[in-house]
Amino acid sequence: MVNALQGPPPATALQLLLAAERLFAEHGLAGVSLRQISIEAGSSNNSAIRYHFGSKDDLLRAIFAYRISDLMQRRALLRARANPDDLRAQLEAHILPLIELAESPDSSYVSFIEQLQRTGQVDVFIHQLDAMRSQEEFISVMQRLLPHIPEPARSMRIQQAQDLAVHLAAERERAIRRDDAVVPFALFVSGVVDGLAGFLAAPASAETEQLISSKSSTS
């Protein structure tokens, strides 16, 4: 069996991988069989996926691995260039590479990640591929830049902002694939970053403060 996680996959494996990414993105992880993927990729060999990747879980890991390295490198570059004390700049550095992927005509990756989130599997793949460092760096930066938001509201907001970014990018990815009219890329990015930055930085309400205080006093 070819190890799909070491270097670019061969052409046949790449066709299978991209077909799988697209079908999983459109129909969910449980709604697609290996046979359907083979047919979509133009392969008459029903065992081609098992030959190139192994199990269905191995195929999911290969899709994740195919995109994640470039995504992490792009994030690291943008983060290094951004003002470390600017919440909006740091947020944009984290989510811009994801939105850029949504613009790629051969990618269904963001919608694929959205499907992983829905099934609660995305954390499994992140841990297995040692991609947690980028995630932990982002969370650490956001924690530092949002000292006025009490815990656990701060951590909850950071996770929600990331989930929203994936969902919004996935919606745009699907709209582009349908050839729908979409707002210009730069405007979309700016609007999403503005919205999420405002969401993150908004002061906690008196009700939230009271709920946190009540929880702490009963712990």
C-alpha atoms as a PDB file:
ATOM      1  CA  MET A   1       0.000   0.000   0.000  1.00  0.00           C
ATOM      2  CA  VAL A   2       1.267   3.462  -0.887  1.00  0.00           C
ATOM      3  CA  ASN A   3       1.761   5.736   2.126  1.00  0.00           C
ATOM      4  CA  ALA A   4      -0.412   8.706   1.190  1.00  0.00           C
ATOM      5  CA  LEU A   5       1.019  10.938   3.879  1.00  0.00           C
ATOM      6  CA  GLN A   6       4.568  11.062   2.500  1.00  0.00           C
ATOM      7  CA  GLY A   7       4.929  13.581  -0.316  1.00  0.00           C
ATOM      8  CA  PRO A   8       2.492  14.387  -3.117  1.00  0.00           C
ATOM      9  CA  PRO A   9       0.249  11.446  -4.060  1.00  0.00           C
ATOM     10  CA  PRO A  10       0.654   9.894  -7.508  1.00  0.00           C
ATOM     11  CA  ALA A  11      -1.788  10.985 -10.201  1.00  0.00           C
ATOM     12  CA  THR A  12      -4.280   8.151  -9.743  1.00  0.00           C
ATOM     13  CA  ALA A  13      -4.253   8.578  -5.981  1.00  0.00           C
ATOM     14  CA  LEU A  14      -4.706  12.351  -6.368  1.00  0.00           C
ATOM     15  CA  GLN A  15      -7.775  11.847  -8.555  1.00  0.00           C
ATOM     16  CA  LEU A  16      -9.254   9.545  -5.922  1.00  0.00           C
ATOM     17  CA  LEU A  17      -8.375  11.954  -3.115  1.00  0.00           C
ATOM     18  CA  LEU A  18      -9.974  14.975  -4.793  1.00  0.00           C
ATOM     19  CA  ALA A  19     -13.064  12.967  -5.724  1.00  0.00           C
ATOM     20  CA  ALA A  20     -13.368  11.786  -2.123  1.00  0.00           C
ATOM     21  CA  GLU A  21     -12.921  15.315  -0.771  1.00  0.00           C
ATOM     22  CA  ARG A  22     -15.670  16.596  -3.063  1.00  0.00           C
ATOM     23  CA  LEU A  23     -18.133  13.777  -2.295  1.00  0.00           C
ATOM     24  CA  PHE A  24     -17.548  13.889   1.460  1.00  0.00           C
ATOM     25  CA  ALA A  25     -18.017  17.671   1.363  1.00  0.00           C
ATOM     26  CA  GLU A  26     -21.292  17.363  -0.544  1.00  0.00           C
ATOM     27  CA  HIS A  27     -22.850  14.286   1.094  1.00  0.00           C
ATOM     28  CA  GLY A  28     -21.184  13.878   4.480  1.00  0.00           C
ATOM     29  CA  LEU A  29     -18.796  11.231   5.740  1.00  0.00           C
ATOM     30  CA  ALA A  30     -21.422   8.535   6.214  1.00  0.00           C
ATOM     31  CA  GLY A  31     -23.179   9.240   2.936  1.00  0.00           C
ATOM     32  CA  VAL A  32     -20.372   8.179   0.600  1.00  0.00           C
ATOM     33  CA  SER A  33     -19.050   4.702  -0.163  1.00  0.00           C
ATOM     34  CA  LEU A  34     -15.571   3.835  -1.426  1.00  0.00           C
ATOM     35  CA  ARG A  35     -17.197   2.476  -4.591  1.00  0.00           C
ATOM     36  CA  GLN A  36     -18.871   5.850  -5.246  1.00  0.00           C
ATOM     37  CA  ILE A  37     -15.521   7.586  -4.876  1.00  0.00           C
ATOM     38  CA  SER A  38     -13.866   5.221  -7.343  1.00  0.00           C
ATOM     39  CA  ILE A  39     -16.614   5.822  -9.905  1.00  0.00           C
ATOM     40  CA  GLU A  40     -16.440   9.596  -9.404  1.00  0.00           C
ATOM     41  CA  ALA A  41     -12.673   9.503  -9.989  1.00  0.00           C
ATOM     42  CA  GLY A  42     -13.150   7.513 -13.197  1.00  0.00           C
ATOM     43  CA  SER A  43     -11.629   4.327 -11.831  1.00  0.00           C
ATOM     44  CA  SER A  44     -13.078   0.924 -12.678  1.00  0.00           C
ATOM     45  CA  ASN A  45     -11.002  -0.684  -9.933  1.00  0.00           C
ATOM     46  CA  ASN A  46     -13.097  -0.883  -6.780  1.00  0.00           C
ATOM     47  CA  SER A  47     -10.015  -1.713  -4.714  1.00  0.00           C
ATOM     48  CA  ALA A  48      -8.031   1.334  -5.898  1.00  0.00           C
ATOM     49  CA  ILE A  49      -8.740   3.323  -2.729  1.00  0.00           C
ATOM     50  CA  ARG A  50      -7.665   0.479  -0.464  1.00  0.00           C
ATOM     51  CA  TYR A  51      -4.512   0.062  -2.542  1.00  0.00           C
ATOM     52  CA  HIS A  52      -3.538   3.740  -2.383  1.00  0.00           C
ATOM     53  CA  PHE A  53      -4.845   4.731   1.049  1.00  0.00           C
ATOM     54  CA  GLY A  54      -6.067   1.746   3.048  1.00  0.00           C
ATOM     55  CA  SER A  55      -9.263   2.184   5.053  1.00  0.00           C
ATOM     56  CA  LYS A  56     -11.857   4.948   4.853  1.00  0.00           C
ATOM     57  CA  ASP A  57     -10.311   6.574   7.937  1.00  0.00           C
ATOM     58  CA  ASP A  58      -6.909   6.484   6.228  1.00  0.00           C
ATOM     59  CA  LEU A  59      -8.465   8.233   3.222  1.00  0.00           C
ATOM     60  CA  LEU A  60      -9.906  10.944   5.490  1.00  0.00           C
ATOM     61  CA  ARG A  61      -6.454  11.463   7.024  1.00  0.00           C
ATOM     62  CA  ALA A  62      -4.912  11.703   3.554  1.00  0.00           C
ATOM     63  CA  ILE A  63      -7.376  14.423   2.494  1.00  0.00           C
ATOM     64  CA  PHE A  64      -6.626  16.354   5.671  1.00  0.00           C
ATOM     65  CA  ALA A  65      -2.869  15.932   5.212  1.00  0.00           C
ATOM     66  CA  TYR A  66      -2.955  16.960   1.552  1.00  0.00           C
ATOM     67  CA  ARG A  67      -4.126  20.486   2.407  1.00  0.00           C
ATOM     68  CA  ILE A  68      -3.057  21.127   5.988  1.00  0.00           C
ATOM     69  CA  SER A  69       0.702  21.609   5.510  1.00  0.00           C
ATOM     70  CA  ASP A  70       0.331  24.503   3.045  1.00  0.00           C
ATOM     71  CA  LEU A  71      -2.475  25.961   5.150  1.00  0.00           C
ATOM     72  CA  MET A  72      -0.322  25.969   8.294  1.00  0.00           C
ATOM     73  CA  GLN A  73       2.689  27.457   6.486  1.00  0.00           C
ATOM     74  CA  ARG A  74       0.535  30.258   5.056  1.00  0.00           C
ATOM     75  CA  ARG A  75      -0.896  30.979   8.504  1.00  0.00           C
ATOM     76  CA  ALA A  76       2.554  31.064  10.080  1.00  0.00           C
ATOM     77  CA  LEU A  77       3.805  33.513   7.440  1.00  0.00           C
ATOM     78  CA  LEU A  78       0.828  35.851   7.811  1.00  0.00           C
ATOM     79  CA  ARG A  79       0.934  35.678  11.603  1.00  0.00           C
ATOM     80  CA  ALA A  80       4.617  36.570  11.639  1.00  0.00           C
ATOM     81  CA  ARG A  81       3.945  39.634   9.457  1.00  0.00           C
ATOM     82  CA  ALA A  82       0.927  40.802  11.461  1.00  0.00           C
ATOM     83  CA  ASN A  83       1.083  43.168  14.434  1.00  0.00           C
ATOM     84  CA  PRO A  84       1.193  40.802  17.438  1.00  0.00           C
ATOM     85  CA  ASP A  85      -0.981  43.180  19.471  1.00  0.00           C
ATOM     86  CA  ASP A  86      -3.651  43.754  16.806  1.00  0.00           C
ATOM     87  CA  LEU A  87      -6.620  41.416  17.331  1.00  0.00           C
ATOM     88  CA  ARG A  88      -8.019  41.960  13.860  1.00  0.00           C
ATOM     89  CA  ALA A  89      -4.667  41.408  12.140  1.00  0.00           C
ATOM     90  CA  GLN A  90      -3.994  38.195  14.042  1.00  0.00           C
ATOM     91  CA  LEU A  91      -7.496  36.924  13.361  1.00  0.00           C
ATOM     92  CA  GLU A  92      -7.147  37.651   9.643  1.00  0.00           C
ATOM     93  CA  ALA A  93      -3.815  35.806   9.555  1.00  0.00           C
ATOM     94  CA  HIS A  94      -5.570  32.728  10.919  1.00  0.00           C
ATOM     95  CA  ILE A  95      -8.690  32.646   8.752  1.00  0.00           C
ATOM     96  CA  LEU A  96      -7.503  34.184   5.457  1.00  0.00           C
ATOM     97  CA  PRO A  97      -5.720  30.982   4.289  1.00  0.00           C
ATOM     98  CA  LEU A  98      -8.949  29.056   4.867  1.00  0.00           C
ATOM     99  CA  ILE A  99     -10.974  31.504   2.774  1.00  0.00           C
ATOM    100  CA  GLU A 100      -8.270  31.426   0.085  1.00  0.00           C
ATOM    101  CA  LEU A 101      -8.722  27.640  -0.128  1.00  0.00           C
ATOM    102  CA  ALA A 102     -12.453  28.161  -0.605  1.00  0.00           C
ATOM    103  CA  GLU A 103     -11.630  30.159  -3.756  1.00  0.00           C
ATOM    104  CA  SER A 104      -9.629  27.320  -5.313  1.00  0.00           C
ATOM    105  CA  PRO A 105     -11.573  25.656  -8.160  1.00  0.00           C
ATOM    106  CA  ASP A 106     -10.228  22.171  -7.371  1.00  0.00           C
ATOM    107  CA  SER A 107     -10.903  22.365  -3.631  1.00  0.00           C
ATOM    108  CA  SER A 108     -13.844  21.275  -1.506  1.00  0.00           C
ATOM    109  CA  TYR A 109     -11.629  21.204   1.554  1.00  0.00           C
ATOM    110  CA  VAL A 110     -13.427  23.794   3.677  1.00  0.00           C
ATOM    111  CA  SER A 111     -16.771  22.038   3.230  1.00  0.00           C
ATOM    112  CA  PHE A 112     -14.979  18.770   4.017  1.00  0.00           C
ATOM    113  CA  ILE A 113     -13.671  20.269   7.274  1.00  0.00           C
ATOM    114  CA  GLU A 114     -17.183  21.473   8.065  1.00  0.00           C
ATOM    115  CA  GLN A 115     -18.390  17.888   7.711  1.00  0.00           C
ATOM    116  CA  LEU A 116     -15.621  16.697  10.068  1.00  0.00           C
ATOM    117  CA  GLN A 117     -16.773  19.293  12.591  1.00  0.00           C
ATOM    118  CA  ARG A 118     -20.372  18.102  12.371  1.00  0.00           C
ATOM    119  CA  THR A 119     -19.346  14.550  13.195  1.00  0.00           C
ATOM    120  CA  GLY A 120     -16.942  15.624  15.937  1.00  0.00           C
ATOM    121  CA  GLN A 121     -13.939  14.089  14.164  1.00  0.00           C
ATOM    122  CA  VAL A 122     -11.852  17.137  13.277  1.00  0.00           C
ATOM    123  CA  ASP A 123      -9.909  17.111  16.577  1.00  0.00           C
ATOM    124  CA  VAL A 124      -8.888  13.485  15.977  1.00  0.00           C
ATOM    125  CA  PHE A 125      -7.204  14.329  12.692  1.00  0.00           C
ATOM    126  CA  ILE A 126      -5.586  17.482  14.032  1.00  0.00           C
ATOM    127  CA  HIS A 127      -3.983  15.521  16.866  1.00  0.00           C
ATOM    128  CA  GLN A 128      -2.836  12.719  14.606  1.00  0.00           C
ATOM    129  CA  LEU A 129      -1.172  15.071  12.149  1.00  0.00           C
ATOM    130  CA  ASP A 130       0.543  17.207  14.781  1.00  0.00           C
ATOM    131  CA  ALA A 131      -1.324  20.286  13.547  1.00  0.00           C
ATOM    132  CA  MET A 132      -2.224  21.343  17.066  1.00  0.00           C
ATOM    133  CA  ARG A 133       0.745  23.714  17.347  1.00  0.00           C
ATOM    134  CA  SER A 134      -0.815  26.247  14.948  1.00  0.00           C
ATOM    135  CA  GLN A 135      -4.151  25.929  16.716  1.00  0.00           C
ATOM    136  CA  GLU A 136      -2.576  26.361  20.140  1.00  0.00           C
ATOM    137  CA  GLU A 137      -0.632  29.433  18.974  1.00  0.00           C
ATOM    138  CA  PHE A 138      -3.822  31.054  17.717  1.00  0.00           C
ATOM    139  CA  ILE A 139      -5.699  30.326  20.934  1.00  0.00           C
ATOM    140  CA  SER A 140      -2.797  31.658  22.992  1.00  0.00           C
ATOM    141  CA  VAL A 141      -2.715  34.909  20.995  1.00  0.00           C
ATOM    142  CA  MET A 142      -6.481  35.352  21.287  1.00  0.00           C
ATOM    143  CA  GLN A 143      -6.390  34.654  25.023  1.00  0.00           C
ATOM    144  CA  ARG A 144      -3.710  37.325  25.441  1.00  0.00           C
ATOM    145  CA  LEU A 145      -5.586  39.893  23.356  1.00  0.00           C
ATOM    146  CA  LEU A 146      -8.937  39.370  25.083  1.00  0.00           C
ATOM    147  CA  PRO A 147      -8.083  39.813  28.791  1.00  0.00           C
ATOM    148  CA  HIS A 148     -11.345  41.699  29.414  1.00  0.00           C
ATOM    149  CA  ILE A 149     -13.473  38.660  28.575  1.00  0.00           C
ATOM    150  CA  PRO A 150     -13.829  36.371  31.618  1.00  0.00           C
ATOM    151  CA  GLU A 151     -13.365  32.635  31.395  1.00  0.00           C
ATOM    152  CA  PRO A 152     -14.976  30.382  30.334  1.00  0.00           C
ATOM    153  CA  ALA A 153     -16.717  32.869  28.001  1.00  0.00           C
ATOM    154  CA  ARG A 154     -13.388  33.797  26.388  1.00  0.00           C
ATOM    155  CA  SER A 155     -12.446  30.231  25.393  1.00  0.00           C
ATOM    156  CA  MET A 156     -15.999  29.586  24.217  1.00  0.00           C
ATOM    157  CA  ARG A 157     -15.939  32.672  21.972  1.00  0.00           C
ATOM    158  CA  ILE A 158     -12.575  31.745  20.458  1.00  0.00           C
ATOM    159  CA  GLN A 159     -13.888  28.298  19.508  1.00  0.00           C
ATOM    160  CA  GLN A 160     -17.146  29.728  18.196  1.00  0.00           C
ATOM    161  CA  ALA A 161     -15.288  32.281  16.057  1.00  0.00           C
ATOM    162  CA  GLN A 162     -13.262  29.495  14.455  1.00  0.00           C
ATOM    163  CA  ASP A 163     -16.380  27.421  13.814  1.00  0.00           C
ATOM    164  CA  LEU A 164     -18.117  30.433  12.254  1.00  0.00           C
ATOM    165  CA  ALA A 165     -15.097  31.116  10.024  1.00  0.00           C
ATOM    166  CA  VAL A 166     -15.205  27.555   8.689  1.00  0.00           C
ATOM    167  CA  HIS A 167     -18.956  27.740   8.094  1.00  0.00           C
ATOM    168  CA  LEU A 168     -18.794  31.092   6.288  1.00  0.00           C
ATOM    169  CA  ALA A 169     -15.868  29.987   4.116  1.00  0.00           C
ATOM    170  CA  ALA A 170     -17.643  26.703   3.323  1.00  0.00           C
ATOM    171  CA  GLU A 171     -20.801  28.567   2.294  1.00  0.00           C
ATOM    172  CA  ARG A 172     -18.731  30.699  -0.081  1.00  0.00           C
ATOM    173  CA  GLU A 173     -16.945  27.605  -1.415  1.00  0.00           C
ATOM    174  CA  ARG A 174     -20.285  25.974  -2.237  1.00  0.00           C
ATOM    175  CA  ALA A 175     -21.622  29.166  -3.821  1.00  0.00           C
ATOM    176  CA  ILE A 176     -18.575  29.370  -6.078  1.00  0.00           C
ATOM    177  CA  ARG A 177     -18.969  25.718  -7.066  1.00  0.00           C
ATOM    178  CA  ARG A 178     -22.636  26.390  -7.963  1.00  0.00           C
ATOM    179  CA  ASP A 179     -21.480  29.438  -9.961  1.00  0.00           C
ATOM    180  CA  ASP A 180     -23.641  31.721  -7.817  1.00  0.00           C
ATOM    181  CA  ALA A 181     -22.952  35.450  -7.678  1.00  0.00           C
ATOM    182  CA  VAL A 182     -20.652  36.221  -4.733  1.00  0.00           C
ATOM    183  CA  VAL A 183     -19.268  39.450  -3.308  1.00  0.00           C
ATOM    184  CA  PRO A 184     -15.673  40.290  -4.287  1.00  0.00           C
ATOM    185  CA  PHE A 185     -13.061  38.288  -2.409  1.00  0.00           C
ATOM    186  CA  ALA A 186     -11.418  41.215  -0.594  1.00  0.00           C
ATOM    187  CA  LEU A 187     -14.784  42.560   0.575  1.00  0.00           C
ATOM    188  CA  PHE A 188     -15.852  39.132   1.793  1.00  0.00           C
ATOM    189  CA  VAL A 189     -12.634  38.656   3.764  1.00  0.00           C
ATOM    190  CA  SER A 190     -12.804  42.111   5.290  1.00  0.00           C
ATOM    191  CA  GLY A 191     -16.446  41.687   6.274  1.00  0.00           C
ATOM    192  CA  VAL A 192     -15.880  38.286   7.871  1.00  0.00           C
ATOM    193  CA  VAL A 193     -12.831  39.484   9.798  1.00  0.00           C
ATOM    194  CA  ASP A 194     -14.668  42.620  10.944  1.00  0.00           C
ATOM    195  CA  GLY A 195     -17.630  40.581  12.152  1.00  0.00           C
ATOM    196  CA  LEU A 196     -15.590  37.962  13.977  1.00  0.00           C
ATOM    197  CA  ALA A 197     -13.278  40.558  15.547  1.00  0.00           C
ATOM    198  CA  GLY A 198     -16.310  42.419  16.869  1.00  0.00           C
ATOM    199  CA  PHE A 199     -17.811  39.176  18.149  1.00  0.00           C
ATOM    200  CA  LEU A 200     -14.610  38.274  19.974  1.00  0.00           C
ATOM    201  CA  ALA A 201     -13.954  41.687  21.499  1.00  0.00           C
ATOM    202  CA  ALA A 202     -17.499  42.608  22.574  1.00  0.00           C
ATOM    203  CA  PRO A 203     -17.670  43.104  26.371  1.00  0.00           C
ATOM    204  CA  ALA A 204     -19.347  40.358  28.334  1.00  0.00           C
ATOM    205  CA  SER A 205     -22.859  41.316  29.390  1.00  0.00           C
ATOM    206  CA  ALA A 206     -23.884  41.711  33.017  1.00  0.00           C
ATOM    207  CA  GLU A 207     -25.917  38.528  32.616  1.00  0.00           C
ATOM    208  CA  THR A 208     -22.886  36.566  31.420  1.00  0.00           C
ATOM    209  CA  GLU A 209     -20.748  37.980  34.233  1.00  0.00           C
ATOM    210  CA  GLN A 210     -23.396  36.959  36.749  1.00  0.00           C
ATOM    211  CA  LEU A 211     -23.700  33.435  35.325  1.00  0.00           C
ATOM    212  CA  ILE A 212     -19.928  32.978  35.477  1.00  0.00           C
ATOM    213  CA  SER A 213     -19.815  34.316  39.013  1.00  0.00           C
ATOM    214  CA  SER A 214     -22.636  32.006  40.093  1.00  0.00           C
ATOM    215  CA  LYS A 215     -20.914  29.002  38.519  1.00  0.00           C
ATOM    216  CA  SER A 216     -17.637  29.855  40.260  1.00  0.00           C
ATOM    217  CA  SER A 217     -19.301  30.207  43.665  1.00  0.00           C
ATOM    218  CA  THR A 218     -20.947  26.797  43.365  1.00  0.00           C
ATOM    219  CA  SER A 219     -17.850  24.977  42.117  1.00  0.00           C
END
